[in-house]
Amino acid sequence: MEHKQNHKDISRRRFLQKTAVGAVIASLPAKSVWGACSVSGALSGNLSSDRHDCTIPKLFGGRSPGGWMNYQSNCHSIFLQLGRIKQRFGKDSKKYQDAYACYTGAVELVMDHQLPIPAELVTVSHTVRSGLASNGTGNNNIFFHLAAIYLNAYFGLYGQNYSGPAAAVALVEQVFMYWYMITNQNQNTIITFSDSELGYTDGSTNWKATC
């Protein structure tokens, strides 16, 4: 009996290399996809009564992955307080240069945060920075999007409901599981996110850096 159970578990966790995104995802029984919107459920094919569809919350006001890759040239438009300092003192003033260094320094620290991607479901790990750099195959790259989502939430571009470090972690986990489940449901065909789906609207934030 134990041998059969082990064989079943191994079968459920067959891995397929997804070169387009650099991730290795598990092949799941199609019938369990919408009943397993969690890491444990995904691994076991759980059909418990606690089932719900994986969804993406309605997001608005974020910056795209490309926008974050080039954030240094637009830092004053992302962070409203920095923009006010620039407007008042001028971009060549010491006041602005000091503030600019403070804000970019804060972003650089977050760039080195580890993306909270379930290690049980992928064979690669990413920081926010390497997630942004992973866009070798276009905007369909899941890590590329997760990095932007993390930054948007962390710095409050998505608004009060999705603001701060805890919200950044929760949103990345939720969007990843949505992508994971849909990808499996569609026989490992990688889905494409639209800008509107992930709230990329060239927004800004009142988040204030402290130096």
C-alpha atoms as a PDB file:
ATOM      1  CA  MET A   1       0.000   0.000   0.000  1.00  0.00           C
ATOM      2  CA  GLU A   2       2.823   2.382   0.883  1.00  0.00           C
ATOM      3  CA  HIS A   3       4.579   1.612  -2.398  1.00  0.00           C
ATOM      4  CA  LYS A   4       1.436   2.431  -4.376  1.00  0.00           C
ATOM      5  CA  GLN A   5       0.984   5.732  -2.553  1.00  0.00           C
ATOM      6  CA  ASN A   6       4.579   6.757  -3.268  1.00  0.00           C
ATOM      7  CA  HIS A   7       4.165   5.878  -6.927  1.00  0.00           C
ATOM      8  CA  LYS A   8       1.006   8.002  -7.055  1.00  0.00           C
ATOM      9  CA  ASP A   9       2.744  10.982  -5.466  1.00  0.00           C
ATOM     10  CA  ILE A  10       5.629  10.748  -7.907  1.00  0.00           C
ATOM     11  CA  SER A  11       3.202  10.593 -10.798  1.00  0.00           C
ATOM     12  CA  ARG A  12       1.461  13.746  -9.628  1.00  0.00           C
ATOM     13  CA  ARG A  13       4.729  15.610  -9.360  1.00  0.00           C
ATOM     14  CA  ARG A  14       6.134  14.930 -12.811  1.00  0.00           C
ATOM     15  CA  PHE A  15       8.150  17.949 -13.865  1.00  0.00           C
ATOM     16  CA  LEU A  16       8.138  19.587 -17.286  1.00  0.00           C
ATOM     17  CA  GLN A  17      10.794  22.108 -18.227  1.00  0.00           C
ATOM     18  CA  LYS A  18       9.196  25.384 -19.357  1.00  0.00           C
ATOM     19  CA  THR A  19      12.090  27.055 -21.157  1.00  0.00           C
ATOM     20  CA  ALA A  20      10.007  30.084 -22.099  1.00  0.00           C
ATOM     21  CA  VAL A  21       9.792  31.145 -18.478  1.00  0.00           C
ATOM     22  CA  GLY A  22      12.695  29.316 -16.905  1.00  0.00           C
ATOM     23  CA  ALA A  23      10.355  27.498 -14.498  1.00  0.00           C
ATOM     24  CA  VAL A  24       9.683  23.866 -13.890  1.00  0.00           C
ATOM     25  CA  ILE A  25       6.042  23.213 -13.074  1.00  0.00           C
ATOM     26  CA  ALA A  26       4.243  20.111 -11.918  1.00  0.00           C
ATOM     27  CA  SER A  27       1.761  18.267 -14.121  1.00  0.00           C
ATOM     28  CA  LEU A  28      -1.509  17.996 -12.249  1.00  0.00           C
ATOM     29  CA  PRO A  29      -4.677  16.001 -12.905  1.00  0.00           C
ATOM     30  CA  ALA A  30      -6.982  18.341 -14.869  1.00  0.00           C
ATOM     31  CA  LYS A  31      -9.957  17.636 -12.600  1.00  0.00           C
ATOM     32  CA  SER A  32      -8.134  18.957  -9.532  1.00  0.00           C
ATOM     33  CA  VAL A  33      -6.978  22.289 -10.935  1.00  0.00           C
ATOM     34  CA  TRP A  34      -9.736  24.545  -9.615  1.00  0.00           C
ATOM     35  CA  GLY A  35      -9.952  22.749  -6.291  1.00  0.00           C
ATOM     36  CA  ALA A  36      -6.302  23.192  -5.388  1.00  0.00           C
ATOM     37  CA  CYS A  37      -5.498  26.913  -5.318  1.00  0.00           C
ATOM     38  CA  SER A  38      -2.723  26.446  -2.759  1.00  0.00           C
ATOM     39  CA  VAL A  39       0.743  24.945  -2.746  1.00  0.00           C
ATOM     40  CA  SER A  40      -0.305  21.873  -0.773  1.00  0.00           C
ATOM     41  CA  GLY A  41      -3.381  21.438  -2.904  1.00  0.00           C
ATOM     42  CA  ALA A  42      -1.376  21.758  -6.106  1.00  0.00           C
ATOM     43  CA  LEU A  43       1.099  19.113  -5.027  1.00  0.00           C
ATOM     44  CA  SER A  44      -1.498  16.623  -3.851  1.00  0.00           C
ATOM     45  CA  GLY A  45      -4.306  17.217  -6.320  1.00  0.00           C
ATOM     46  CA  ASN A  46      -6.476  17.945  -3.284  1.00  0.00           C
ATOM     47  CA  LEU A  47     -10.238  17.891  -3.848  1.00  0.00           C
ATOM     48  CA  SER A  48     -11.212  18.999  -0.359  1.00  0.00           C
ATOM     49  CA  SER A  49     -14.362  20.969   0.404  1.00  0.00           C
ATOM     50  CA  ASP A  50     -12.273  24.122   0.828  1.00  0.00           C
ATOM     51  CA  ARG A  51     -12.127  24.768  -2.925  1.00  0.00           C
ATOM     52  CA  HIS A  52     -12.207  28.093  -4.703  1.00  0.00           C
ATOM     53  CA  ASP A  53     -11.111  29.494  -8.026  1.00  0.00           C
ATOM     54  CA  CYS A  54      -7.714  31.123  -8.352  1.00  0.00           C
ATOM     55  CA  THR A  55      -8.224  34.761  -9.244  1.00  0.00           C
ATOM     56  CA  ILE A  56      -6.286  37.997  -9.597  1.00  0.00           C
ATOM     57  CA  PRO A  57      -7.584  40.946  -7.553  1.00  0.00           C
ATOM     58  CA  LYS A  58      -8.526  44.127  -9.384  1.00  0.00           C
ATOM     59  CA  LEU A  59      -5.317  46.146  -9.459  1.00  0.00           C
ATOM     60  CA  PHE A  60      -4.752  49.716 -10.630  1.00  0.00           C
ATOM     61  CA  GLY A  61      -1.992  52.317 -10.497  1.00  0.00           C
ATOM     62  CA  GLY A  62       1.101  50.141 -10.877  1.00  0.00           C
ATOM     63  CA  ARG A  63       4.136  50.458 -13.090  1.00  0.00           C
ATOM     64  CA  SER A  64       4.991  47.834 -15.691  1.00  0.00           C
ATOM     65  CA  PRO A  65       8.080  45.611 -15.448  1.00  0.00           C
ATOM     66  CA  GLY A  66       9.748  47.727 -18.140  1.00  0.00           C
ATOM     67  CA  GLY A  67       8.946  50.840 -16.144  1.00  0.00           C
ATOM     68  CA  TRP A  68      10.666  49.421 -13.078  1.00  0.00           C
ATOM     69  CA  MET A  69      13.667  48.333 -15.115  1.00  0.00           C
ATOM     70  CA  ASN A  70      14.152  52.013 -16.015  1.00  0.00           C
ATOM     71  CA  TYR A  71      12.840  53.496 -12.791  1.00  0.00           C
ATOM     72  CA  GLN A  72      15.915  55.645 -12.169  1.00  0.00           C
ATOM     73  CA  SER A  73      15.087  57.977 -15.046  1.00  0.00           C
ATOM     74  CA  ASN A  74      11.477  58.336 -13.859  1.00  0.00           C
ATOM     75  CA  CYS A  75      11.948  58.104 -10.113  1.00  0.00           C
ATOM     76  CA  HIS A  76      10.517  61.595  -9.558  1.00  0.00           C
ATOM     77  CA  SER A  77       7.275  60.630 -11.339  1.00  0.00           C
ATOM     78  CA  ILE A  78       6.896  57.352  -9.423  1.00  0.00           C
ATOM     79  CA  PHE A  79       7.471  58.899  -6.000  1.00  0.00           C
ATOM     80  CA  LEU A  80       5.384  62.051  -5.630  1.00  0.00           C
ATOM     81  CA  GLN A  81       7.376  63.421  -2.699  1.00  0.00           C
ATOM     82  CA  LEU A  82      10.569  63.272  -4.769  1.00  0.00           C
ATOM     83  CA  GLY A  83       8.741  65.000  -7.616  1.00  0.00           C
ATOM     84  CA  ARG A  84       7.718  67.825  -5.282  1.00  0.00           C
ATOM     85  CA  ILE A  85      11.313  68.294  -4.162  1.00  0.00           C
ATOM     86  CA  LYS A  86      12.459  68.441  -7.780  1.00  0.00           C
ATOM     87  CA  GLN A  87       9.788  70.980  -8.648  1.00  0.00           C
ATOM     88  CA  ARG A  88      10.606  73.190  -5.674  1.00  0.00           C
ATOM     89  CA  PHE A  89      14.409  73.104  -5.661  1.00  0.00           C
ATOM     90  CA  GLY A  90      15.339  72.003  -9.186  1.00  0.00           C
ATOM     91  CA  LYS A  91      16.962  68.812 -10.418  1.00  0.00           C
ATOM     92  CA  ASP A  92      20.499  70.184 -10.007  1.00  0.00           C
ATOM     93  CA  SER A  93      20.059  71.221  -6.378  1.00  0.00           C
ATOM     94  CA  LYS A  94      21.780  69.354  -3.567  1.00  0.00           C
ATOM     95  CA  LYS A  95      18.392  68.971  -1.904  1.00  0.00           C
ATOM     96  CA  TYR A  96      17.051  67.044  -4.878  1.00  0.00           C
ATOM     97  CA  GLN A  97      20.227  65.051  -5.463  1.00  0.00           C
ATOM     98  CA  ASP A  98      20.252  63.899  -1.832  1.00  0.00           C
ATOM     99  CA  ALA A  99      16.568  62.976  -1.980  1.00  0.00           C
ATOM    100  CA  TYR A 100      17.046  61.174  -5.298  1.00  0.00           C
ATOM    101  CA  ALA A 101      19.880  59.103  -3.809  1.00  0.00           C
ATOM    102  CA  CYS A 102      17.649  58.282  -0.848  1.00  0.00           C
ATOM    103  CA  TYR A 103      14.755  57.052  -3.001  1.00  0.00           C
ATOM    104  CA  THR A 104      16.843  55.085  -5.461  1.00  0.00           C
ATOM    105  CA  GLY A 105      18.747  53.560  -2.557  1.00  0.00           C
ATOM    106  CA  ALA A 106      15.466  52.407  -1.030  1.00  0.00           C
ATOM    107  CA  VAL A 107      14.372  50.821  -4.308  1.00  0.00           C
ATOM    108  CA  GLU A 108      17.733  49.098  -4.736  1.00  0.00           C
ATOM    109  CA  LEU A 109      17.366  47.473  -1.330  1.00  0.00           C
ATOM    110  CA  VAL A 110      13.957  46.073  -2.298  1.00  0.00           C
ATOM    111  CA  MET A 111      15.371  44.874  -5.623  1.00  0.00           C
ATOM    112  CA  ASP A 112      17.424  42.378  -3.626  1.00  0.00           C
ATOM    113  CA  HIS A 113      14.389  40.905  -1.848  1.00  0.00           C
ATOM    114  CA  GLN A 114      13.633  37.285  -2.631  1.00  0.00           C
ATOM    115  CA  LEU A 115      10.430  36.802  -4.594  1.00  0.00           C
ATOM    116  CA  PRO A 116       8.069  34.605  -2.521  1.00  0.00           C
ATOM    117  CA  ILE A 117       7.634  31.905  -5.171  1.00  0.00           C
ATOM    118  CA  PRO A 118       6.775  28.463  -3.718  1.00  0.00           C
ATOM    119  CA  ALA A 119       9.962  26.403  -3.895  1.00  0.00           C
ATOM    120  CA  GLU A 120       7.859  23.234  -4.123  1.00  0.00           C
ATOM    121  CA  LEU A 121       6.467  24.294  -7.510  1.00  0.00           C
ATOM    122  CA  VAL A 122       9.539  25.643  -9.320  1.00  0.00           C
ATOM    123  CA  THR A 123      13.194  24.720  -9.602  1.00  0.00           C
ATOM    124  CA  VAL A 124      14.467  28.293  -9.838  1.00  0.00           C
ATOM    125  CA  SER A 125      14.411  31.142  -7.349  1.00  0.00           C
ATOM    126  CA  HIS A 126      14.489  34.827  -8.090  1.00  0.00           C
ATOM    127  CA  THR A 127      15.115  38.119  -6.397  1.00  0.00           C
ATOM    128  CA  VAL A 128      13.070  41.093  -7.563  1.00  0.00           C
ATOM    129  CA  ARG A 129      16.098  42.226  -9.561  1.00  0.00           C
ATOM    130  CA  SER A 130      16.698  38.915 -11.319  1.00  0.00           C
ATOM    131  CA  GLY A 131      12.964  38.612 -11.961  1.00  0.00           C
ATOM    132  CA  LEU A 132      13.053  41.866 -13.901  1.00  0.00           C
ATOM    133  CA  ALA A 133      16.176  40.727 -15.732  1.00  0.00           C
ATOM    134  CA  SER A 134      14.599  37.402 -16.733  1.00  0.00           C
ATOM    135  CA  ASN A 135      12.516  38.831 -19.572  1.00  0.00           C
ATOM    136  CA  GLY A 136      14.297  36.898 -22.318  1.00  0.00           C
ATOM    137  CA  THR A 137      11.065  35.888 -24.037  1.00  0.00           C
ATOM    138  CA  GLY A 138       8.876  38.970 -23.768  1.00  0.00           C
ATOM    139  CA  ASN A 139       6.274  40.168 -21.266  1.00  0.00           C
ATOM    140  CA  ASN A 140       4.864  36.668 -20.945  1.00  0.00           C
ATOM    141  CA  ASN A 141       7.617  35.856 -18.484  1.00  0.00           C
ATOM    142  CA  ILE A 142       5.985  35.163 -15.141  1.00  0.00           C
ATOM    143  CA  PHE A 143       8.965  36.214 -13.008  1.00  0.00           C
ATOM    144  CA  PHE A 144       9.179  39.496 -14.924  1.00  0.00           C
ATOM    145  CA  HIS A 145       5.587  40.271 -13.914  1.00  0.00           C
ATOM    146  CA  LEU A 146       5.935  39.050 -10.333  1.00  0.00           C
ATOM    147  CA  ALA A 147       8.857  41.423  -9.783  1.00  0.00           C
ATOM    148  CA  ALA A 148       6.779  44.408 -10.917  1.00  0.00           C
ATOM    149  CA  ILE A 149       3.814  43.308  -8.814  1.00  0.00           C
ATOM    150  CA  TYR A 150       6.060  43.061  -5.755  1.00  0.00           C
ATOM    151  CA  LEU A 151       7.464  46.568  -6.267  1.00  0.00           C
ATOM    152  CA  ASN A 152       4.067  48.100  -6.997  1.00  0.00           C
ATOM    153  CA  ALA A 153       2.581  46.651  -3.828  1.00  0.00           C
ATOM    154  CA  TYR A 154       5.617  47.230  -1.613  1.00  0.00           C
ATOM    155  CA  PHE A 155       5.746  50.952  -2.425  1.00  0.00           C
ATOM    156  CA  GLY A 156       1.981  51.447  -2.404  1.00  0.00           C
ATOM    157  CA  LEU A 157       1.315  52.095  -6.087  1.00  0.00           C
ATOM    158  CA  TYR A 158      -1.694  49.754  -5.979  1.00  0.00           C
ATOM    159  CA  GLY A 159      -3.355  51.809  -3.258  1.00  0.00           C
ATOM    160  CA  GLN A 160      -4.168  51.199   0.391  1.00  0.00           C
ATOM    161  CA  ASN A 161      -5.705  47.765  -0.033  1.00  0.00           C
ATOM    162  CA  TYR A 162      -2.498  46.318  -1.487  1.00  0.00           C
ATOM    163  CA  SER A 163       0.257  48.334   0.138  1.00  0.00           C
ATOM    164  CA  GLY A 164       3.403  47.359   2.034  1.00  0.00           C
ATOM    165  CA  PRO A 165       5.727  44.351   2.388  1.00  0.00           C
ATOM    166  CA  ALA A 166       3.038  41.893   3.532  1.00  0.00           C
ATOM    167  CA  ALA A 167       0.750  42.867   0.660  1.00  0.00           C
ATOM    168  CA  ALA A 168       3.639  42.467  -1.790  1.00  0.00           C
ATOM    169  CA  VAL A 169       4.235  38.900  -0.626  1.00  0.00           C
ATOM    170  CA  ALA A 170       0.527  38.018  -0.693  1.00  0.00           C
ATOM    171  CA  LEU A 171      -0.029  39.421  -4.190  1.00  0.00           C
ATOM    172  CA  VAL A 172       2.980  37.642  -5.673  1.00  0.00           C
ATOM    173  CA  GLU A 173       1.815  34.345  -4.187  1.00  0.00           C
ATOM    174  CA  GLN A 174      -1.745  34.857  -5.446  1.00  0.00           C
ATOM    175  CA  VAL A 175      -0.775  35.835  -8.998  1.00  0.00           C
ATOM    176  CA  PHE A 176       1.743  33.014  -9.218  1.00  0.00           C
ATOM    177  CA  MET A 177      -0.837  30.419  -8.153  1.00  0.00           C
ATOM    178  CA  TYR A 178      -3.314  31.831 -10.680  1.00  0.00           C
ATOM    179  CA  TRP A 179      -0.701  31.529 -13.433  1.00  0.00           C
ATOM    180  CA  TYR A 180       0.307  28.079 -12.259  1.00  0.00           C
ATOM    181  CA  MET A 181      -3.205  26.696 -12.207  1.00  0.00           C
ATOM    182  CA  ILE A 182      -4.254  28.209 -15.538  1.00  0.00           C
ATOM    183  CA  THR A 183      -1.044  26.975 -17.160  1.00  0.00           C
ATOM    184  CA  ASN A 184      -1.706  23.439 -15.952  1.00  0.00           C
ATOM    185  CA  GLN A 185      -5.373  23.576 -16.876  1.00  0.00           C
ATOM    186  CA  ASN A 186      -4.420  24.545 -20.420  1.00  0.00           C
ATOM    187  CA  GLN A 187      -2.022  21.610 -20.825  1.00  0.00           C
ATOM    188  CA  ASN A 188       1.029  23.677 -19.874  1.00  0.00           C
ATOM    189  CA  THR A 189       0.331  26.406 -22.448  1.00  0.00           C
ATOM    190  CA  ILE A 190       1.809  29.560 -20.947  1.00  0.00           C
ATOM    191  CA  ILE A 191      -0.800  32.281 -20.482  1.00  0.00           C
ATOM    192  CA  THR A 192      -0.304  35.932 -21.387  1.00  0.00           C
ATOM    193  CA  PHE A 193      -1.055  38.732 -18.950  1.00  0.00           C
ATOM    194  CA  SER A 194      -2.390  42.056 -20.198  1.00  0.00           C
ATOM    195  CA  ASP A 195      -1.255  45.363 -18.675  1.00  0.00           C
ATOM    196  CA  SER A 196      -4.771  46.064 -17.427  1.00  0.00           C
ATOM    197  CA  GLU A 197      -4.988  42.644 -15.746  1.00  0.00           C
ATOM    198  CA  LEU A 198      -2.028  43.451 -13.516  1.00  0.00           C
ATOM    199  CA  GLY A 199      -2.839  47.131 -13.028  1.00  0.00           C
ATOM    200  CA  TYR A 200      -0.036  48.675 -15.080  1.00  0.00           C
ATOM    201  CA  THR A 201      -1.236  52.263 -15.525  1.00  0.00           C
ATOM    202  CA  ASP A 202       1.901  54.377 -14.965  1.00  0.00           C
ATOM    203  CA  GLY A 203       0.759  55.239 -11.463  1.00  0.00           C
ATOM    204  CA  SER A 204       2.575  56.984  -8.634  1.00  0.00           C
ATOM    205  CA  THR A 205       2.810  56.768  -4.848  1.00  0.00           C
ATOM    206  CA  ASN A 206       2.993  58.984  -1.769  1.00  0.00           C
ATOM    207  CA  TRP A 207       5.427  56.542  -0.161  1.00  0.00           C
ATOM    208  CA  LYS A 208       8.202  58.506   1.562  1.00  0.00           C
ATOM    209  CA  ALA A 209      11.805  57.402   1.882  1.00  0.00           C
ATOM    210  CA  THR A 210      13.605  58.110   5.142  1.00  0.00           C
ATOM    211  CA  CYS A 211      17.346  58.694   5.076  1.00  0.00           C
END
